[in-house]
Amino acid sequence: MGQICHHFGWTLDYLLWGVDWRIVQRMLIDAPNYGIEEKEEKEISLKEQSAEDLKMMLERYK
């Protein structure tokens, strides 16, 4: 609510009691917004690994 007051230069008292909340909601809906670009999904490469391969990999991080 603080951002709404700051944006329009209103007091919190005016926002709560001086203006109809439905009007504020319409103002927020009509406000410009920015679409979020979808991130490209990375391909996952799968390899056959044995238990020994896993042990060797974990040993590197000890």
N, C-alpha and C. Protein backbone atom coordinates (compact mmCIF):
# COMPACT_ATOMS: atom_id res chain seq x y z
N MET A 1 0.83 -1.19 0.00
CA MET A 1 0.00 0.00 0.00
C MET A 1 0.87 1.25 0.00
N GLY A 2 2.05 1.11 0.59
CA GLY A 2 2.95 2.25 0.61
C GLY A 2 3.40 2.67 -0.78
N GLN A 3 3.59 1.70 -1.66
CA GLN A 3 4.01 2.02 -3.03
C GLN A 3 2.89 2.73 -3.78
N ILE A 4 1.66 2.35 -3.52
CA ILE A 4 0.53 3.02 -4.17
C ILE A 4 0.47 4.47 -3.71
N CYS A 5 0.59 4.68 -2.41
CA CYS A 5 0.56 6.04 -1.87
C CYS A 5 1.70 6.87 -2.45
N HIS A 6 2.88 6.28 -2.50
CA HIS A 6 4.05 7.00 -3.02
C HIS A 6 3.84 7.35 -4.50
N HIS A 7 3.35 6.39 -5.27
CA HIS A 7 3.18 6.61 -6.71
C HIS A 7 2.19 7.73 -7.00
N PHE A 8 1.07 7.74 -6.31
CA PHE A 8 0.03 8.72 -6.58
C PHE A 8 0.13 9.97 -5.70
N GLY A 9 1.04 9.97 -4.74
CA GLY A 9 1.17 11.12 -3.85
C GLY A 9 0.05 11.22 -2.83
N TRP A 10 -0.51 10.09 -2.46
CA TRP A 10 -1.62 10.04 -1.51
C TRP A 10 -1.10 9.72 -0.12
N THR A 11 -1.91 10.05 0.88
CA THR A 11 -1.62 9.60 2.24
C THR A 11 -2.29 8.24 2.44
N LEU A 12 -1.83 7.51 3.44
CA LEU A 12 -2.43 6.22 3.72
C LEU A 12 -3.89 6.39 4.13
N ASP A 13 -4.18 7.44 4.88
CA ASP A 13 -5.56 7.72 5.29
C ASP A 13 -6.46 7.93 4.07
N TYR A 14 -5.96 8.68 3.09
CA TYR A 14 -6.76 8.90 1.88
C TYR A 14 -6.96 7.60 1.11
N LEU A 15 -5.91 6.77 1.02
CA LEU A 15 -6.03 5.50 0.31
C LEU A 15 -7.06 4.60 0.98
N LEU A 16 -7.05 4.56 2.31
CA LEU A 16 -7.96 3.67 3.03
C LEU A 16 -9.39 4.18 3.07
N TRP A 17 -9.56 5.50 3.21
CA TRP A 17 -10.91 6.02 3.45
C TRP A 17 -11.40 7.04 2.42
N GLY A 18 -10.51 7.59 1.61
CA GLY A 18 -10.91 8.67 0.71
C GLY A 18 -11.20 8.25 -0.72
N VAL A 19 -10.74 7.08 -1.10
CA VAL A 19 -10.94 6.64 -2.47
C VAL A 19 -11.48 5.21 -2.44
N ASP A 20 -12.37 4.91 -3.36
CA ASP A 20 -12.97 3.58 -3.42
C ASP A 20 -11.91 2.56 -3.86
N TRP A 21 -11.81 1.47 -3.14
CA TRP A 21 -10.77 0.48 -3.40
C TRP A 21 -10.92 -0.14 -4.80
N ARG A 22 -12.16 -0.25 -5.28
CA ARG A 22 -12.38 -0.80 -6.63
C ARG A 22 -11.73 0.09 -7.69
N ILE A 23 -11.74 1.39 -7.46
CA ILE A 23 -11.10 2.32 -8.39
C ILE A 23 -9.59 2.11 -8.37
N VAL A 24 -9.04 1.94 -7.18
CA VAL A 24 -7.59 1.71 -7.05
C VAL A 24 -7.21 0.42 -7.77
N GLN A 25 -8.01 -0.63 -7.61
CA GLN A 25 -7.72 -1.89 -8.29
C GLN A 25 -7.73 -1.72 -9.80
N ARG A 26 -8.68 -0.97 -10.32
CA ARG A 26 -8.72 -0.73 -11.76
C ARG A 26 -7.50 0.05 -12.23
N MET A 27 -7.07 1.02 -11.41
CA MET A 27 -5.88 1.79 -11.76
C MET A 27 -4.65 0.88 -11.81
N LEU A 28 -4.56 -0.06 -10.88
CA LEU A 28 -3.42 -0.97 -10.86
C LEU A 28 -3.47 -1.94 -12.04
N ILE A 29 -4.65 -2.40 -12.39
CA ILE A 29 -4.79 -3.32 -13.53
C ILE A 29 -4.39 -2.62 -14.83
N ASP A 30 -4.74 -1.35 -14.96
CA ASP A 30 -4.45 -0.61 -16.18
C ASP A 30 -3.01 -0.09 -16.24
N ALA A 31 -2.28 -0.22 -15.16
CA ALA A 31 -0.90 0.28 -15.13
C ALA A 31 -0.03 -0.54 -16.08
N PRO A 32 0.95 0.12 -16.70
CA PRO A 32 1.84 -0.63 -17.60
C PRO A 32 2.65 -1.65 -16.81
N ASN A 33 2.94 -2.76 -17.45
CA ASN A 33 3.78 -3.77 -16.82
C ASN A 33 4.71 -4.36 -17.87
N TYR A 34 5.65 -5.10 -17.41
CA TYR A 34 6.65 -5.67 -18.30
C TYR A 34 6.55 -7.18 -18.26
N GLY A 35 6.52 -7.79 -19.42
CA GLY A 35 6.48 -9.24 -19.50
C GLY A 35 7.84 -9.83 -19.16
N ILE A 36 7.82 -10.97 -18.56
CA ILE A 36 9.06 -11.64 -18.20
C ILE A 36 9.42 -12.61 -19.32
N GLU A 37 10.64 -12.47 -19.80
CA GLU A 37 11.09 -13.39 -20.85
C GLU A 37 11.32 -14.76 -20.25
N GLU A 38 10.88 -15.75 -20.97
CA GLU A 38 11.09 -17.11 -20.48
C GLU A 38 12.53 -17.51 -20.73
N LYS A 39 13.14 -18.10 -19.73
CA LYS A 39 14.51 -18.55 -19.87
C LYS A 39 14.54 -19.83 -20.69
N GLU A 40 15.57 -19.93 -21.50
CA GLU A 40 15.70 -21.16 -22.28
C GLU A 40 16.08 -22.30 -21.35
N GLU A 41 15.43 -23.42 -21.57
CA GLU A 41 15.75 -24.58 -20.74
C GLU A 41 17.02 -25.23 -21.26
N LYS A 42 17.90 -25.58 -20.35
CA LYS A 42 19.14 -26.24 -20.72
C LYS A 42 18.87 -27.73 -20.93
N GLU A 43 19.53 -28.27 -21.92
CA GLU A 43 19.40 -29.70 -22.15
C GLU A 43 20.20 -30.46 -21.11
N ILE A 44 19.66 -31.53 -20.65
CA ILE A 44 20.33 -32.38 -19.68
C ILE A 44 20.89 -33.58 -20.43
N SER A 45 22.19 -33.76 -20.28
CA SER A 45 22.78 -34.93 -20.93
C SER A 45 22.91 -36.05 -19.90
N LEU A 46 22.40 -37.20 -20.24
CA LEU A 46 22.43 -38.34 -19.35
C LEU A 46 23.52 -39.31 -19.81
N LYS A 47 24.27 -39.82 -18.83
CA LYS A 47 25.33 -40.78 -19.12
C LYS A 47 25.13 -41.99 -18.22
N GLU A 48 25.57 -43.11 -18.72
CA GLU A 48 25.54 -44.30 -17.88
C GLU A 48 26.71 -44.21 -16.91
N GLN A 49 26.42 -44.36 -15.63
CA GLN A 49 27.47 -44.32 -14.62
C GLN A 49 27.27 -45.48 -13.66
N SER A 50 28.37 -45.95 -13.15
CA SER A 50 28.30 -47.04 -12.19
C SER A 50 28.48 -46.48 -10.78
N ALA A 51 28.34 -47.33 -9.81
CA ALA A 51 28.54 -46.93 -8.42
C ALA A 51 29.98 -46.48 -8.20
N GLU A 52 30.92 -47.11 -8.88
CA GLU A 52 32.33 -46.73 -8.76
C GLU A 52 32.56 -45.32 -9.29
N ASP A 53 31.91 -44.97 -10.39
CA ASP A 53 32.03 -43.62 -10.93
C ASP A 53 31.52 -42.59 -9.93
N LEU A 54 30.44 -42.90 -9.27
CA LEU A 54 29.87 -42.00 -8.27
C LEU A 54 30.81 -41.85 -7.09
N LYS A 55 31.40 -42.94 -6.64
CA LYS A 55 32.36 -42.87 -5.53
C LYS A 55 33.54 -41.99 -5.89
N MET A 56 34.07 -42.16 -7.10
CA MET A 56 35.22 -41.36 -7.54
C MET A 56 34.85 -39.88 -7.61
N MET A 57 33.66 -39.59 -8.07
CA MET A 57 33.22 -38.21 -8.17
C MET A 57 33.09 -37.58 -6.78
N LEU A 58 32.56 -38.32 -5.83
CA LEU A 58 32.39 -37.81 -4.48
C LEU A 58 33.72 -37.66 -3.75
N GLU A 59 34.69 -38.47 -4.08
CA GLU A 59 36.01 -38.38 -3.45
C GLU A 59 36.67 -37.05 -3.77
N ARG A 60 36.38 -36.48 -4.91
CA ARG A 60 36.98 -35.19 -5.30
C ARG A 60 36.55 -34.07 -4.36
N TYR A 61 35.41 -34.19 -3.73
CA TYR A 61 34.87 -33.11 -2.91
C TYR A 61 35.13 -33.28 -1.42
N LYS A 62 35.97 -34.25 -1.05
CA LYS A 62 36.29 -34.43 0.38
C LYS A 62 37.37 -33.49 0.80
